[in-house]
């Protein structure tokens, strides 16, 4: 055979191999609660994932490296696809679905899962299989204290958020001249609530606040009357609740019924940042403070928010970005950035790229100082905020240098809210 023909044939075969690689899909498993009491949170989280996928696959007018072309340039323009599952808020379902996504769907990486308890089970399954797992919105500190190699978290933890709360109380006293001397800790009994309460209890004692009550209740309970009566009797200056959506609504409705009026409510997001919180409770939500890594009023300082929000609304039936989807978008873009830099779908190469991540703050829609993982897989550049419901909207109140509103302190009583 003519040597030139042989060479041409080899070149054609080689080009065909490269073309095949360039056209491969990067498949991501997406685990969120799409049914049950926090379904809207999960639905919005998936919309955030789809927003990131659109930006990467189709390109966008955004100052982001992954928005400049179509597909992942590091993999020859490979497109991203997702496989979405509903873990129903159940750790056992999260684990089994993770195993299915890996063994049957052949995903290259995973993102999820909101509930800390589900994230713990799902990421352990991913670790056994050696598949990278990016967590964007679960805050239990222990998640990055398990020595896992393939687990990475972009969000602040309950330690970060709780530390911010106590910094706020100290600075608020200095600014207002009003004393805050006592707290009551109120939490649901899953991993999220229990670990949150543990951190808050330690911080309160370390900073010389009296802990007048520390109440654990069964998650998704149908009555909180006795617990709220105890909170009212203790009458601490600040209530620190850690509750998912249905429990949050029940807590505030019971507090209203029993006329329990703490001077401040400073919550560990969850139910207090659920997309349905303000619309469901109306003026009864007024004055509630919650930690968050995101608020829409930060668009004045982070112009990227407005453009990303416009894309998000296409995937969310017109809903705006909020706490969880903003964090999930950040996590998904971080994961895709690592895969792009890895130039491969090999899990070890993706893991190494995640470990080497160094995303600057100007490429984020949250006020983090960047994304850079420490040896445990925790983003060490997180920066959370506190926001308060004022006139039916969330308003950033702390850190004071990021604030859009003055703090309402003390918050309105139920009688005062009735007159609004």
Foldseek 3Di string as FASTA:
>chain_A
DDPVVVVVVVVVVVVVVLVVQLAAEAEEEEEEACDDDQNLLRLLQVLLLVLLQCQQQVADPFPAPSRHHHAQVLRNRHHYDYDYDHQNLDLVSLQVVLLCCCPPVVHLAYEDYQEPSNCQSNVVSCQVVLHAYEYQHAAQVCSLVPPGLRYAYEAHHLLQQLVQVVVVQVVCCVVVVDDAAAEEEEEEDDSRGVSSLVSNVVVCVVVRHHHQYYYYDHAPDPACQVVLVSVQVSQHQEYEYEHAAVVVVRNLVNCLVVQRFHQAYEYACHNLFRPCNCVVCPLSQAQHKYKAQDDPVCCVVQVSQVVSQVSSCVSSVRDGDTGSSLSSSVRSNLQSVLCSVLSDSNSVSSSVSSQQDWAACNNGNTNFRTAHQDPSNYGPRGDMFMWGQDPSGTFTPPPPVSGPDHRDTRTDGSVRSVVD
